[in-house]
Amino acid sequence: MERHVLEKLFEDDAEEASAAALAVLRGGGTYNTSERTRPAGQHVGVFSYRLQRARLRGTEPFGLARAVQLLREHGRPVRGGMIDSADGTHTFVFYLTEDDSALVACFHLPHGPGQPPPQPSEPPEAEH
């Protein structure tokens, strides 16, 4: 998938985590998307469990609860992907519709305890 196409999918999404992921992408982040699709329910099960575990530890990955809800509501196969910030400090997981026409869900995957996601208005510096 070409970068400008992925950026457009994130631009068209109103979720806060999507705006932060777009800032990372535009800040020089790298990305990849899976060639395979999987049932959304598989991801719901895994990430529901991770959300419960995180809450028991007193944390909650940015956007994860909403992503679980959106994947559950979508109910059809999705294609996964990741965006990594240029400085390696942030990762976002995202899911696209089976035909890559829309963003279904996105959340920040923390790299360590207490690491907040980047703010959408402050993209990380791109590596030169």
C-alpha atoms as a PDB file:
ATOM      1  CA  MET A   1       0.000   0.000   0.000  1.00  0.00           C
ATOM      2  CA  GLU A   2       1.344   3.412  -0.912  1.00  0.00           C
ATOM      3  CA  ARG A   3       1.969   5.898   1.898  1.00  0.00           C
ATOM      4  CA  HIS A   4      -0.403   8.565   0.532  1.00  0.00           C
ATOM      5  CA  VAL A   5      -3.233   6.025   0.353  1.00  0.00           C
ATOM      6  CA  LEU A   6      -2.667   4.962   3.960  1.00  0.00           C
ATOM      7  CA  GLU A   7      -2.450   8.591   5.086  1.00  0.00           C
ATOM      8  CA  LYS A   8      -5.799   9.309   3.422  1.00  0.00           C
ATOM      9  CA  LEU A   9      -7.443   6.412   5.284  1.00  0.00           C
ATOM     10  CA  PHE A  10      -6.175   7.844   8.576  1.00  0.00           C
ATOM     11  CA  GLU A  11      -7.240  11.381   7.605  1.00  0.00           C
ATOM     12  CA  ASP A  12     -10.781  10.149   7.008  1.00  0.00           C
ATOM     13  CA  ASP A  13     -11.022   8.563  10.471  1.00  0.00           C
ATOM     14  CA  ALA A  14     -12.269  10.639  13.411  1.00  0.00           C
ATOM     15  CA  GLU A  15     -10.717   8.553  16.205  1.00  0.00           C
ATOM     16  CA  GLU A  16      -8.101  10.191  18.440  1.00  0.00           C
ATOM     17  CA  ALA A  17      -5.673   7.274  18.143  1.00  0.00           C
ATOM     18  CA  SER A  18      -5.882   7.515  14.345  1.00  0.00           C
ATOM     19  CA  ALA A  19      -4.905  11.192  14.463  1.00  0.00           C
ATOM     20  CA  ALA A  20      -1.873  10.363  16.622  1.00  0.00           C
ATOM     21  CA  ALA A  21      -0.891   7.513  14.284  1.00  0.00           C
ATOM     22  CA  LEU A  22      -1.199   9.826  11.284  1.00  0.00           C
ATOM     23  CA  ALA A  23       1.135  12.318  12.997  1.00  0.00           C
ATOM     24  CA  VAL A  24       3.703   9.539  13.481  1.00  0.00           C
ATOM     25  CA  LEU A  25       3.318   8.427   9.872  1.00  0.00           C
ATOM     26  CA  ARG A  26       3.773  11.971   8.589  1.00  0.00           C
ATOM     27  CA  GLY A  27       6.695  12.453  10.957  1.00  0.00           C
ATOM     28  CA  GLY A  28       8.727   9.893   9.041  1.00  0.00           C
ATOM     29  CA  GLY A  29       7.339   6.739  10.597  1.00  0.00           C
ATOM     30  CA  THR A  30       7.607   3.422   8.817  1.00  0.00           C
ATOM     31  CA  TYR A  31       4.670   1.129   8.228  1.00  0.00           C
ATOM     32  CA  ASN A  32       3.726  -2.301   7.007  1.00  0.00           C
ATOM     33  CA  THR A  33       0.493  -4.070   6.228  1.00  0.00           C
ATOM     34  CA  SER A  34      -0.217  -7.766   6.218  1.00  0.00           C
ATOM     35  CA  GLU A  35      -0.919  -9.555   2.969  1.00  0.00           C
ATOM     36  CA  ARG A  36      -3.444 -11.796   4.733  1.00  0.00           C
ATOM     37  CA  THR A  37      -6.809 -11.042   6.208  1.00  0.00           C
ATOM     38  CA  ARG A  38      -8.173 -12.641   9.342  1.00  0.00           C
ATOM     39  CA  PRO A  39     -11.570 -12.635  11.013  1.00  0.00           C
ATOM     40  CA  ALA A  40     -11.986  -9.563  13.196  1.00  0.00           C
ATOM     41  CA  GLY A  41     -13.164 -11.824  16.012  1.00  0.00           C
ATOM     42  CA  GLN A  42      -9.694 -13.347  16.356  1.00  0.00           C
ATOM     43  CA  HIS A  43      -8.263  -9.919  17.109  1.00  0.00           C
ATOM     44  CA  VAL A  44     -11.146  -9.042  19.443  1.00  0.00           C
ATOM     45  CA  GLY A  45     -10.388 -12.070  21.606  1.00  0.00           C
ATOM     46  CA  VAL A  46      -6.657 -11.390  21.834  1.00  0.00           C
ATOM     47  CA  PHE A  47      -6.945  -7.673  22.474  1.00  0.00           C
ATOM     48  CA  SER A  48      -9.858  -8.002  24.906  1.00  0.00           C
ATOM     49  CA  TYR A  49      -7.618 -10.227  27.008  1.00  0.00           C
ATOM     50  CA  ARG A  50      -4.704  -7.767  26.731  1.00  0.00           C
ATOM     51  CA  LEU A  51      -7.007  -4.910  27.718  1.00  0.00           C
ATOM     52  CA  GLN A  52      -8.177  -6.795  30.818  1.00  0.00           C
ATOM     53  CA  ARG A  53      -4.579  -7.555  31.808  1.00  0.00           C
ATOM     54  CA  ALA A  54      -3.509  -3.946  31.296  1.00  0.00           C
ATOM     55  CA  ARG A  55      -6.391  -2.676  33.414  1.00  0.00           C
ATOM     56  CA  LEU A  56      -5.408  -5.051  36.210  1.00  0.00           C
ATOM     57  CA  ARG A  57      -1.970  -3.389  36.142  1.00  0.00           C
ATOM     58  CA  GLY A  58      -3.595   0.044  36.248  1.00  0.00           C
ATOM     59  CA  THR A  59      -2.819   0.990  32.650  1.00  0.00           C
ATOM     60  CA  GLU A  60      -4.693   1.068  29.399  1.00  0.00           C
ATOM     61  CA  PRO A  61      -3.075   1.341  25.978  1.00  0.00           C
ATOM     62  CA  PHE A  62      -4.290   4.468  24.174  1.00  0.00           C
ATOM     63  CA  GLY A  63      -7.223   3.601  21.921  1.00  0.00           C
ATOM     64  CA  LEU A  64      -7.280  -0.123  22.713  1.00  0.00           C
ATOM     65  CA  ALA A  65     -10.751  -0.246  24.275  1.00  0.00           C
ATOM     66  CA  ARG A  66     -12.201   1.647  21.325  1.00  0.00           C
ATOM     67  CA  ALA A  67     -10.318  -0.569  18.850  1.00  0.00           C
ATOM     68  CA  VAL A  68     -11.756  -3.706  20.457  1.00  0.00           C
ATOM     69  CA  GLN A  69     -15.246  -2.207  20.215  1.00  0.00           C
ATOM     70  CA  LEU A  70     -14.774  -1.201  16.552  1.00  0.00           C
ATOM     71  CA  LEU A  71     -13.376  -4.614  15.575  1.00  0.00           C
ATOM     72  CA  ARG A  72     -16.275  -6.335  17.339  1.00  0.00           C
ATOM     73  CA  GLU A  73     -18.796  -4.127  15.532  1.00  0.00           C
ATOM     74  CA  HIS A  74     -17.064  -4.602  12.164  1.00  0.00           C
ATOM     75  CA  GLY A  75     -17.333  -8.378  12.424  1.00  0.00           C
ATOM     76  CA  ARG A  76     -15.785  -9.065   9.007  1.00  0.00           C
ATOM     77  CA  PRO A  77     -12.238  -9.986   7.988  1.00  0.00           C
ATOM     78  CA  VAL A  78      -9.589  -7.306   8.451  1.00  0.00           C
ATOM     79  CA  ARG A  79      -6.033  -6.718   7.308  1.00  0.00           C
ATOM     80  CA  GLY A  80      -3.600  -5.692  10.041  1.00  0.00           C
ATOM     81  CA  GLY A  81      -0.681  -3.315   9.984  1.00  0.00           C
ATOM     82  CA  MET A  82       1.736  -1.362  12.143  1.00  0.00           C
ATOM     83  CA  ILE A  83       3.248   2.112  12.145  1.00  0.00           C
ATOM     84  CA  ASP A  84       6.551   2.697  13.951  1.00  0.00           C
ATOM     85  CA  SER A  85       7.798   6.188  14.748  1.00  0.00           C
ATOM     86  CA  ALA A  86      11.061   7.313  13.163  1.00  0.00           C
ATOM     87  CA  ASP A  87      12.743   7.395  16.582  1.00  0.00           C
ATOM     88  CA  GLY A  88      11.477   3.916  17.504  1.00  0.00           C
ATOM     89  CA  THR A  89       9.588   5.051  20.599  1.00  0.00           C
ATOM     90  CA  HIS A  90       6.010   4.576  19.391  1.00  0.00           C
ATOM     91  CA  THR A  91       4.097   1.846  17.603  1.00  0.00           C
ATOM     92  CA  PHE A  92       0.511   1.898  16.417  1.00  0.00           C
ATOM     93  CA  VAL A  93      -1.438  -1.197  15.400  1.00  0.00           C
ATOM     94  CA  PHE A  94      -4.194  -0.703  12.858  1.00  0.00           C
ATOM     95  CA  TYR A  95      -6.774  -2.729  10.968  1.00  0.00           C
ATOM     96  CA  LEU A  96      -8.176  -2.073   7.513  1.00  0.00           C
ATOM     97  CA  THR A  97     -11.236  -3.477   5.784  1.00  0.00           C
ATOM     98  CA  GLU A  98     -10.617  -6.558   3.681  1.00  0.00           C
ATOM     99  CA  ASP A  99     -10.512  -4.466   0.490  1.00  0.00           C
ATOM    100  CA  ASP A 100      -8.305  -1.739   2.057  1.00  0.00           C
ATOM    101  CA  SER A 101     -10.999   0.880   1.497  1.00  0.00           C
ATOM    102  CA  ALA A 102     -11.323   2.059   5.109  1.00  0.00           C
ATOM    103  CA  LEU A 103      -9.606   2.084   8.474  1.00  0.00           C
ATOM    104  CA  VAL A 104     -11.483  -0.067  10.989  1.00  0.00           C
ATOM    105  CA  ALA A 105      -9.495   0.467  14.191  1.00  0.00           C
ATOM    106  CA  CYS A 106      -6.196   1.787  15.541  1.00  0.00           C
ATOM    107  CA  PHE A 107      -4.427   1.855  18.910  1.00  0.00           C
ATOM    108  CA  HIS A 108      -1.061   2.738  20.442  1.00  0.00           C
ATOM    109  CA  LEU A 109       1.099  -0.163  21.529  1.00  0.00           C
ATOM    110  CA  PRO A 110       3.174   1.073  24.487  1.00  0.00           C
ATOM    111  CA  HIS A 111       6.879   0.239  24.537  1.00  0.00           C
ATOM    112  CA  GLY A 112       7.175   0.554  28.284  1.00  0.00           C
ATOM    113  CA  PRO A 113       5.250   1.411  31.416  1.00  0.00           C
ATOM    114  CA  GLY A 114       4.025   4.961  31.595  1.00  0.00           C
ATOM    115  CA  GLN A 115       4.888   5.773  27.981  1.00  0.00           C
ATOM    116  CA  PRO A 116       2.197   8.091  26.625  1.00  0.00           C
ATOM    117  CA  PRO A 117       1.324   8.157  22.940  1.00  0.00           C
ATOM    118  CA  PRO A 118       2.518  11.130  20.902  1.00  0.00           C
ATOM    119  CA  GLN A 119       0.133  14.039  20.606  1.00  0.00           C
ATOM    120  CA  PRO A 120      -1.425  14.444  17.142  1.00  0.00           C
ATOM    121  CA  SER A 121      -0.236  18.048  16.939  1.00  0.00           C
ATOM    122  CA  GLU A 122       3.360  17.121  17.805  1.00  0.00           C
ATOM    123  CA  PRO A 123       4.716  14.486  15.383  1.00  0.00           C
ATOM    124  CA  PRO A 124       8.139  13.086  16.266  1.00  0.00           C
ATOM    125  CA  GLU A 125      11.084  14.437  14.325  1.00  0.00           C
ATOM    126  CA  ALA A 126      11.859  12.530  11.151  1.00  0.00           C
ATOM    127  CA  GLU A 127      15.297  10.989  10.845  1.00  0.00           C
ATOM    128  CA  HIS A 128      17.485  12.649   8.252  1.00  0.00           C
END
